[in-house]
Amino acid sequence: MTKVLAINAGSSSVKWKMFNAQNEQVIAEGAAERIGIKGSNYQIKYDGKKIEETIEIKNQEQAVSIILKAMIELGIVASYDEIEGIGHRIVAGGEHFAQSTLITADVLNKIYDLSEFAPLHNPVEARCIEAFEKVLPDIPQVAVFDTSFHKTMPKENYLYSIPMEYYEKYGARKYGAHGTSHRYVSQRAADILGQDIKDLRLITVHMGNGISLTAVENGQSIDTSMGFSPLAGVTMSTRSGDIDASLMAYLMEKLEIENPQEMISILNGKSGLLGLSGLSSDMRDLEDNIENPQVKLTVDIFVNRIVKYISQYITEMGGVDGIVFTAGIGENNPWLLDRISNKFAYLGAKVDPEKVEITRQETIFSAEDSRIKLMLVPTNEEIMIIRDLVEIANL
């Protein structure tokens, strides 16, 4: 059995899954959460059991140490020699990385250098890599970048209408995000349909806490809703999505804000569903309070923005064969999928009212005579990380 790890490190968490690389089955999984915050804890699931403990975890390096130690103590591995490779989700690959890559000292330095593109993610992801390297110095580690899938976008889709020198000198362009998820669900959708992905025009809709849409043509990303950062695009749980830059300057003056980062923090953490509704960033709470006019308006805006991007991508590709929904909101709110999908009835999209109610599993919820395939495909970024790891590290 080849045991490999998929690591997803965030600003306050380290999530992991251990796989048997031969059959892609999960052996164990867990997370260290609330890192550096009061009430930090870790959980591990393995062999039908679940272990939870509240313990002070000061940083990601300590989280890695706790996770590895627990693997030995619980018998998940008899020794660290059983771990044959580690794949890491990295948010920003910038212009450097068009695909997943074996981590070397040079690659690690570039991940650090790209921190200004993802300040909450790249630095902690790099430190996680170093923490594993200290304990497992001879184990291959592979970086899988969120932005890589979108490197196939044509220039007319990733360049902003600003002086070209800003792109040439500073890398000011659209990079997108959630690329690993979009890559997985688009390929999985093609497999479910029994068609070559190169023959399909798909729109993948990743609806989690962050939300992004991608136009996938010939198996490649040709456009995506997130931009230079994950702040751009549609209305999200706490992010504003697209906004006029002049409005930022106007609000900074009215709110007497001098530091632009303070304004960015408002747009990232206090806007979106939370800011509009004044109630919650959780779609389930909004569904429960949909009779509230402000909540109803919030949901209307949410649907409106997604429909606009889907419409844009249909035109851009000259049609669409399938619309694929995924991630937390997508997998757990069939009423939203029904509402969004029915906006395309004029193009021949038809929803099967019984199938659309199925949640958290792969489903074609369009009617038999629908001209557009409507699909729910739960995302599995960890599988993509493991597949890239196995291929690149020759495991």
Protein backbone atom coordinates (compact mmCIF):
# COMPACT_ATOMS: atom_id res chain seq x y z
CA MET A 1 0.00 0.00 0.00
CA THR A 2 1.33 3.44 -0.98
CA LYS A 3 0.30 5.94 1.71
CA VAL A 4 0.26 9.57 0.62
CA LEU A 5 -0.98 12.81 2.17
CA ALA A 6 -3.02 15.70 0.75
CA ILE A 7 -2.54 18.89 2.78
CA ASN A 8 -4.71 22.01 2.72
CA ALA A 9 -3.25 24.67 5.01
CA GLY A 10 -5.12 27.89 5.70
CA SER A 11 -4.61 30.93 7.87
CA SER A 12 -6.09 29.20 10.93
CA SER A 13 -6.28 25.53 9.98
CA VAL A 14 -4.41 22.56 8.53
CA LYS A 15 -6.68 19.97 6.92
CA TRP A 16 -5.35 16.64 5.68
CA LYS A 17 -6.31 13.32 4.16
CA MET A 18 -4.23 10.18 3.87
CA PHE A 19 -4.91 8.01 0.83
CA ASN A 20 -3.98 4.61 -0.46
CA ALA A 21 -2.58 5.83 -3.77
CA GLN A 22 -3.33 2.52 -5.51
CA ASN A 23 -7.13 2.67 -5.13
CA GLU A 24 -7.55 6.33 -4.06
CA GLN A 25 -9.37 5.27 -0.89
CA VAL A 26 -9.15 7.49 2.20
CA ILE A 27 -7.26 5.81 5.04
CA ALA A 28 -7.59 8.64 7.54
CA GLU A 29 -8.38 12.33 7.63
CA GLY A 30 -8.36 15.19 10.07
CA ALA A 31 -7.80 18.84 10.80
CA ALA A 32 -6.14 21.17 13.22
CA GLU A 33 -8.40 24.21 13.56
CA ARG A 34 -8.52 27.62 15.23
CA ILE A 35 -4.72 27.72 15.07
CA GLY A 36 -3.40 30.66 17.06
CA ILE A 37 -6.90 31.30 18.43
CA LYS A 38 -8.45 30.42 21.78
CA GLY A 39 -10.16 27.02 21.60
CA SER A 40 -7.78 25.47 19.08
CA ASN A 41 -8.30 21.76 18.52
CA TYR A 42 -7.66 18.82 16.26
CA GLN A 43 -9.81 15.96 14.99
CA ILE A 44 -8.86 12.70 13.33
CA LYS A 45 -11.13 10.13 11.66
CA TYR A 46 -9.78 6.65 10.96
CA ASP A 47 -11.01 3.07 10.90
CA GLY A 48 -14.55 4.14 11.82
CA LYS A 49 -13.35 6.09 14.85
CA LYS A 50 -13.18 9.81 15.58
CA ILE A 51 -10.69 11.46 17.92
CA GLU A 52 -11.17 15.07 19.06
CA GLU A 53 -9.08 17.10 21.46
CA THR A 54 -8.93 20.76 22.46
CA ILE A 55 -5.30 21.75 22.76
CA GLU A 56 -3.30 24.92 22.33
CA ILE A 57 -1.92 25.11 18.79
CA LYS A 58 0.15 28.24 18.30
CA ASN A 59 1.06 27.94 14.62
CA GLN A 60 0.99 25.68 11.55
CA GLU A 61 4.37 24.18 12.40
CA GLN A 62 3.04 22.95 15.73
CA ALA A 63 -0.10 21.69 13.99
CA VAL A 64 2.01 19.55 11.64
CA SER A 65 3.94 18.13 14.61
CA ILE A 66 0.70 17.24 16.44
CA ILE A 67 -0.79 15.61 13.33
CA LEU A 68 2.29 13.47 12.62
CA LYS A 69 2.63 12.44 16.25
CA ALA A 70 -1.04 11.41 16.38
CA MET A 71 -0.61 9.25 13.26
CA ILE A 72 2.02 7.19 15.07
CA GLU A 73 0.15 7.03 18.39
CA LEU A 74 -3.09 5.89 16.72
CA GLY A 75 -1.32 3.34 14.54
CA ILE A 76 -2.33 4.99 11.29
CA VAL A 77 1.30 4.53 10.32
CA ALA A 78 3.81 2.34 12.15
CA SER A 79 6.60 4.73 11.16
CA TYR A 80 6.98 7.84 9.03
CA ASP A 81 8.70 5.69 6.41
CA GLU A 82 5.23 4.53 5.37
CA ILE A 83 4.39 8.01 4.09
CA GLU A 84 5.69 8.07 0.51
CA GLY A 85 4.64 11.52 -0.66
CA ILE A 86 2.85 14.72 0.28
CA GLY A 87 0.78 17.00 -1.94
CA HIS A 88 0.02 20.58 -0.92
CA ARG A 89 -2.73 22.88 -2.09
CA ILE A 90 -1.15 26.28 -2.82
CA VAL A 91 -3.45 29.22 -3.54
CA ALA A 92 -1.28 31.50 -5.69
CA GLY A 93 1.07 30.29 -8.40
CA GLY A 94 1.23 33.62 -10.20
CA GLU A 95 2.98 33.67 -13.56
CA HIS A 96 5.50 31.07 -12.40
CA PHE A 97 3.47 27.87 -12.27
CA ALA A 98 1.28 26.65 -15.12
CA GLN A 99 1.01 23.19 -13.57
CA SER A 100 1.67 21.26 -10.38
CA THR A 101 5.35 20.81 -9.60
CA LEU A 102 7.83 18.98 -7.39
CA ILE A 103 8.83 21.22 -4.48
CA THR A 104 12.48 22.25 -4.45
CA ALA A 105 14.22 25.06 -2.58
CA ASP A 106 13.65 27.30 -5.58
CA VAL A 107 9.95 26.43 -5.79
CA LEU A 108 9.54 27.06 -2.07
CA ASN A 109 11.17 30.48 -2.40
CA LYS A 110 8.81 31.36 -5.25
CA ILE A 111 5.80 30.33 -3.13
CA TYR A 112 7.03 32.74 -0.46
CA ASP A 113 7.65 35.44 -3.09
CA LEU A 114 4.04 35.10 -4.27
CA SER A 115 2.71 35.87 -0.78
CA GLU A 116 1.60 39.35 -1.85
CA PHE A 117 -0.91 37.68 -4.19
CA ALA A 118 -2.36 35.53 -1.36
CA PRO A 119 -1.11 36.95 1.96
CA LEU A 120 -3.40 34.79 4.11
CA HIS A 121 -2.47 31.54 2.38
CA ASN A 122 0.90 31.30 0.62
CA PRO A 123 3.06 32.07 3.69
CA VAL A 124 1.36 29.48 5.91
CA GLU A 125 1.36 26.93 3.10
CA ALA A 126 5.10 27.46 2.64
CA ARG A 127 5.72 27.09 6.37
CA CYS A 128 3.70 23.87 6.34
CA ILE A 129 5.93 22.50 3.58
CA GLU A 130 9.00 23.35 5.67
CA ALA A 131 7.48 21.73 8.77
CA PHE A 132 6.90 18.45 6.93
CA GLU A 133 10.35 18.66 5.39
CA LYS A 134 11.98 18.81 8.84
CA VAL A 135 10.34 15.55 9.91
CA LEU A 136 10.30 13.84 6.50
CA PRO A 137 13.32 15.26 4.65
CA ASP A 138 13.52 12.51 2.03
CA ILE A 139 9.83 12.41 1.11
CA PRO A 140 8.82 14.07 -2.21
CA GLN A 141 6.43 16.97 -1.82
CA VAL A 142 4.38 18.42 -4.67
CA ALA A 143 2.69 21.82 -4.93
CA VAL A 144 -0.74 21.92 -6.60
CA PHE A 145 -1.71 25.50 -7.42
CA ASP A 146 -5.26 26.89 -7.40
CA THR A 147 -4.33 29.21 -10.22
CA SER A 148 -2.69 26.69 -12.58
CA PHE A 149 -5.89 25.49 -14.26
CA HIS A 150 -6.62 29.05 -15.35
CA LYS A 151 -3.24 29.57 -17.03
CA THR A 152 -4.89 28.50 -20.31
CA MET A 153 -7.04 31.65 -20.40
CA PRO A 154 -6.38 33.80 -23.48
CA LYS A 155 -4.93 37.25 -22.94
CA GLU A 156 -8.18 39.01 -23.77
CA ASN A 157 -9.71 37.30 -20.74
CA TYR A 158 -6.95 37.71 -18.19
CA LEU A 159 -5.62 41.19 -18.94
CA TYR A 160 -7.19 44.27 -17.35
CA SER A 161 -7.71 47.47 -19.33
CA ILE A 162 -4.94 49.31 -17.48
CA PRO A 163 -1.48 50.37 -18.72
CA MET A 164 0.26 47.27 -20.05
CA GLU A 165 3.39 48.04 -18.05
CA TYR A 166 1.48 47.25 -14.83
CA TYR A 167 1.08 43.69 -16.05
CA GLU A 168 4.62 43.47 -17.40
CA LYS A 169 6.27 44.93 -14.27
CA TYR A 170 3.94 43.85 -11.46
CA GLY A 171 1.92 40.91 -12.74
CA ALA A 172 -1.36 42.83 -12.52
CA ARG A 173 -3.80 40.43 -14.22
CA LYS A 174 -6.62 38.00 -13.56
CA TYR A 175 -5.40 34.75 -11.98
CA GLY A 176 -8.63 33.13 -10.81
CA ALA A 177 -8.95 30.59 -8.01
CA HIS A 178 -10.52 27.22 -7.14
CA GLY A 179 -8.72 25.82 -10.17
CA THR A 180 -8.21 22.38 -8.65
CA SER A 181 -11.95 22.10 -7.95
CA HIS A 182 -12.93 23.31 -11.42
CA ARG A 183 -10.48 20.87 -12.99
CA TYR A 184 -11.91 17.95 -11.00
CA VAL A 185 -15.62 18.62 -11.50
CA SER A 186 -15.29 19.38 -15.22
CA GLN A 187 -13.40 16.14 -15.85
CA ARG A 188 -15.75 14.17 -13.60
CA ALA A 189 -18.77 15.63 -15.39
CA ALA A 190 -17.35 14.49 -18.74
CA ASP A 191 -16.79 11.01 -17.30
CA ILE A 192 -20.38 10.83 -16.01
CA LEU A 193 -21.69 11.93 -19.40
CA GLY A 194 -19.46 9.38 -21.11
CA GLN A 195 -17.94 12.00 -23.39
CA ASP A 196 -14.48 13.30 -24.12
CA ILE A 197 -14.06 16.56 -22.21
CA LYS A 198 -12.45 18.06 -25.33
CA ASP A 199 -15.82 17.77 -27.07
CA LEU A 200 -17.74 19.63 -24.35
CA ARG A 201 -18.48 23.23 -23.42
CA LEU A 202 -19.03 23.29 -19.67
CA ILE A 203 -19.62 25.95 -17.05
CA THR A 204 -18.52 24.88 -13.57
CA VAL A 205 -20.03 26.71 -10.60
CA HIS A 206 -18.06 26.34 -7.36
CA MET A 207 -20.42 27.60 -4.66
CA GLY A 208 -18.77 27.44 -1.26
CA ASN A 209 -17.82 30.20 1.16
CA GLY A 210 -15.94 31.57 -1.84
CA ILE A 211 -17.76 31.30 -5.15
CA SER A 212 -16.34 31.18 -8.65
CA LEU A 213 -17.49 30.17 -12.11
CA THR A 214 -15.33 28.89 -14.93
CA ALA A 215 -15.94 28.46 -18.64
CA VAL A 216 -14.33 25.15 -19.67
CA GLU A 217 -13.90 24.55 -23.37
CA ASN A 218 -11.91 21.65 -24.86
CA GLY A 219 -11.01 20.67 -21.29
CA GLN A 220 -9.36 24.03 -20.59
CA SER A 221 -10.30 27.08 -18.57
CA ILE A 222 -10.91 29.95 -20.97
CA ASP A 223 -12.42 32.38 -18.47
CA THR A 224 -13.19 32.56 -14.76
CA SER A 225 -15.02 34.94 -12.46
CA MET A 226 -12.41 35.53 -9.75
CA GLY A 227 -9.72 38.00 -10.72
CA PHE A 228 -6.39 39.24 -9.42
CA SER A 229 -7.62 37.96 -6.07
CA PRO A 230 -10.58 35.82 -4.90
CA LEU A 231 -12.46 39.03 -4.06
CA ALA A 232 -13.69 39.56 -7.62
CA GLY A 233 -16.65 37.95 -9.34
CA VAL A 234 -20.09 37.13 -7.95
CA THR A 235 -21.67 37.86 -4.57
CA MET A 236 -20.19 35.44 -2.02
CA SER A 237 -20.75 34.59 1.64
CA THR A 238 -18.77 37.54 3.00
CA ARG A 239 -17.08 38.91 -0.15
CA SER A 240 -18.58 41.64 -2.30
CA GLY A 241 -17.61 40.29 -5.70
CA ASP A 242 -17.18 42.81 -8.53
CA ILE A 243 -17.24 46.44 -7.43
CA ASP A 244 -16.43 49.80 -9.03
CA ALA A 245 -12.95 50.86 -7.87
CA SER A 246 -14.17 54.45 -7.56
CA LEU A 247 -16.72 53.31 -4.99
CA MET A 248 -13.86 52.12 -2.81
CA ALA A 249 -12.27 55.58 -2.86
CA TYR A 250 -15.67 57.18 -2.17
CA LEU A 251 -16.38 54.91 0.81
CA MET A 252 -12.89 55.33 2.23
CA GLU A 253 -13.47 59.07 2.32
CA LYS A 254 -16.93 58.76 3.88
CA LEU A 255 -15.76 56.20 6.45
CA GLU A 256 -12.53 58.11 7.10
CA ILE A 257 -10.44 55.07 6.21
CA GLU A 258 -6.80 55.79 5.32
CA ASN A 259 -5.40 52.29 4.91
CA PRO A 260 -6.70 50.58 1.72
CA GLN A 261 -6.30 47.19 3.41
CA GLU A 262 -8.99 48.17 5.90
CA MET A 263 -11.38 48.70 3.01
CA ILE A 264 -10.31 45.41 1.43
CA SER A 265 -11.03 43.68 4.75
CA ILE A 266 -14.58 45.07 4.71
CA LEU A 267 -15.10 43.85 1.15
CA ASN A 268 -13.66 40.43 2.02
CA GLY A 269 -15.19 39.82 5.43
CA LYS A 270 -18.23 42.01 6.00
CA SER A 271 -19.90 42.11 2.59
CA GLY A 272 -21.64 39.58 0.35
CA LEU A 273 -24.58 37.67 1.85
CA LEU A 274 -23.63 38.84 5.34
CA GLY A 275 -23.45 42.52 4.46
CA LEU A 276 -26.57 42.56 2.30
CA SER A 277 -28.81 40.56 4.64
CA GLY A 278 -27.52 41.93 7.92
CA LEU A 279 -28.32 38.45 9.22
CA SER A 280 -25.90 35.72 8.18
CA SER A 281 -23.34 34.56 5.64
CA ASP A 282 -24.86 31.06 5.72
CA MET A 283 -27.32 30.29 2.94
CA ARG A 284 -29.24 27.93 5.25
CA ASP A 285 -30.04 30.81 7.59
CA LEU A 286 -31.20 32.91 4.66
CA GLU A 287 -33.46 30.12 3.40
CA ASP A 288 -35.04 29.89 6.86
CA ASN A 289 -35.74 33.63 6.83
CA ILE A 290 -36.65 34.09 3.17
CA GLU A 291 -39.91 35.88 4.10
CA ASN A 292 -37.81 38.78 5.36
CA PRO A 293 -37.75 41.33 2.47
CA GLN A 294 -34.06 42.15 3.01
CA VAL A 295 -33.13 38.46 3.03
CA LYS A 296 -35.19 37.85 -0.11
CA LEU A 297 -33.41 40.73 -1.84
CA THR A 298 -30.05 39.28 -0.80
CA VAL A 299 -30.88 35.93 -2.38
CA ASP A 300 -32.21 37.69 -5.49
CA ILE A 301 -28.88 39.52 -5.88
CA PHE A 302 -26.95 36.28 -5.29
CA VAL A 303 -28.87 34.48 -8.05
CA ASN A 304 -28.70 37.50 -10.36
CA ARG A 305 -24.90 37.68 -10.27
CA ILE A 306 -24.44 33.96 -10.94
CA VAL A 307 -26.95 34.01 -13.80
CA LYS A 308 -25.13 36.96 -15.38
CA TYR A 309 -21.78 35.15 -15.37
CA ILE A 310 -23.28 31.93 -16.73
CA SER A 311 -24.96 33.93 -19.51
CA GLN A 312 -21.69 35.65 -20.31
CA TYR A 313 -19.84 32.36 -20.60
CA ILE A 314 -22.54 30.76 -22.75
CA THR A 315 -22.13 33.60 -25.23
CA GLU A 316 -18.34 33.46 -25.02
CA MET A 317 -18.28 29.75 -25.89
CA GLY A 318 -21.07 30.00 -28.47
CA GLY A 319 -23.31 27.71 -26.44
CA VAL A 320 -23.06 25.27 -23.53
CA ASP A 321 -23.43 21.53 -23.15
CA GLY A 322 -23.55 21.37 -19.38
CA ILE A 323 -23.71 23.49 -16.22
CA VAL A 324 -22.06 21.78 -13.26
CA PHE A 325 -22.61 22.85 -9.64
CA THR A 326 -20.34 21.95 -6.75
CA ALA A 327 -19.07 22.82 -3.21
CA GLY A 328 -20.99 23.48 0.01
CA ILE A 329 -23.79 25.78 -1.14
CA GLY A 330 -24.13 23.94 -4.42
CA GLU A 331 -24.24 20.50 -2.83
CA ASN A 332 -26.72 21.35 -0.07
CA ASN A 333 -29.24 23.83 -1.50
CA PRO A 334 -31.30 22.21 -4.27
CA TRP A 335 -33.76 25.12 -4.26
CA LEU A 336 -30.96 27.40 -5.44
CA LEU A 337 -29.88 25.04 -8.22
CA ASP A 338 -33.49 24.86 -9.36
CA ARG A 339 -33.86 28.63 -9.34
CA ILE A 340 -30.60 29.34 -11.17
CA SER A 341 -31.12 26.57 -13.75
CA ASN A 342 -34.65 27.68 -14.60
CA LYS A 343 -33.29 31.06 -15.69
CA PHE A 344 -32.00 29.20 -18.77
CA ALA A 345 -35.31 27.62 -19.75
CA TYR A 346 -35.30 29.90 -22.80
CA LEU A 347 -32.26 27.97 -24.02
CA GLY A 348 -33.96 24.63 -23.48
CA ALA A 349 -32.72 23.86 -19.96
CA LYS A 350 -35.26 21.76 -18.07
CA VAL A 351 -35.03 20.65 -14.44
CA ASP A 352 -36.26 17.27 -13.24
CA PRO A 353 -38.08 18.29 -10.01
CA GLU A 354 -37.34 14.99 -8.28
CA LYS A 355 -33.68 14.67 -9.21
CA VAL A 356 -32.84 18.28 -8.28
CA GLU A 357 -33.74 17.47 -4.65
CA ILE A 358 -30.85 14.98 -4.40
CA THR A 359 -27.98 16.48 -2.39
CA ARG A 360 -24.31 15.67 -1.78
CA GLN A 361 -24.01 13.09 -4.55
CA GLU A 362 -23.33 12.98 -8.27
CA THR A 363 -26.58 13.71 -10.07
CA ILE A 364 -27.77 14.74 -13.51
CA PHE A 365 -30.82 16.73 -12.43
CA SER A 366 -31.91 17.91 -15.87
CA ALA A 367 -34.94 16.34 -17.52
CA GLU A 368 -34.42 13.80 -20.29
CA ASP A 369 -35.38 16.30 -22.98
CA SER A 370 -33.29 19.16 -21.58
CA ARG A 371 -31.00 20.74 -24.18
CA ILE A 372 -28.46 21.56 -21.45
CA LYS A 373 -27.19 18.96 -19.00
CA LEU A 374 -27.60 20.21 -15.42
CA MET A 375 -25.37 18.43 -12.95
CA LEU A 376 -24.36 18.27 -9.30
CA VAL A 377 -20.83 16.93 -8.83
CA PRO A 378 -19.38 17.10 -5.29
CA THR A 379 -15.86 18.43 -5.53
CA ASN A 380 -12.81 16.41 -4.52
CA GLU A 381 -9.73 18.60 -4.62
CA GLU A 382 -7.76 16.14 -2.52
CA ILE A 383 -8.06 13.46 -5.21
CA MET A 384 -6.58 15.87 -7.77
CA ILE A 385 -3.74 16.69 -5.37
CA ILE A 386 -2.99 12.99 -4.89
CA ARG A 387 -3.14 12.22 -8.62
CA ASP A 388 -0.72 15.03 -9.38
CA LEU A 389 1.55 13.89 -6.56
CA VAL A 390 1.63 10.28 -7.78
CA GLU A 391 2.36 11.32 -11.36
CA ILE A 392 4.99 13.98 -10.66
CA ALA A 393 6.79 12.05 -7.92
CA ASN A 394 6.60 8.75 -9.88
CA LEU A 395 5.05 6.90 -6.96
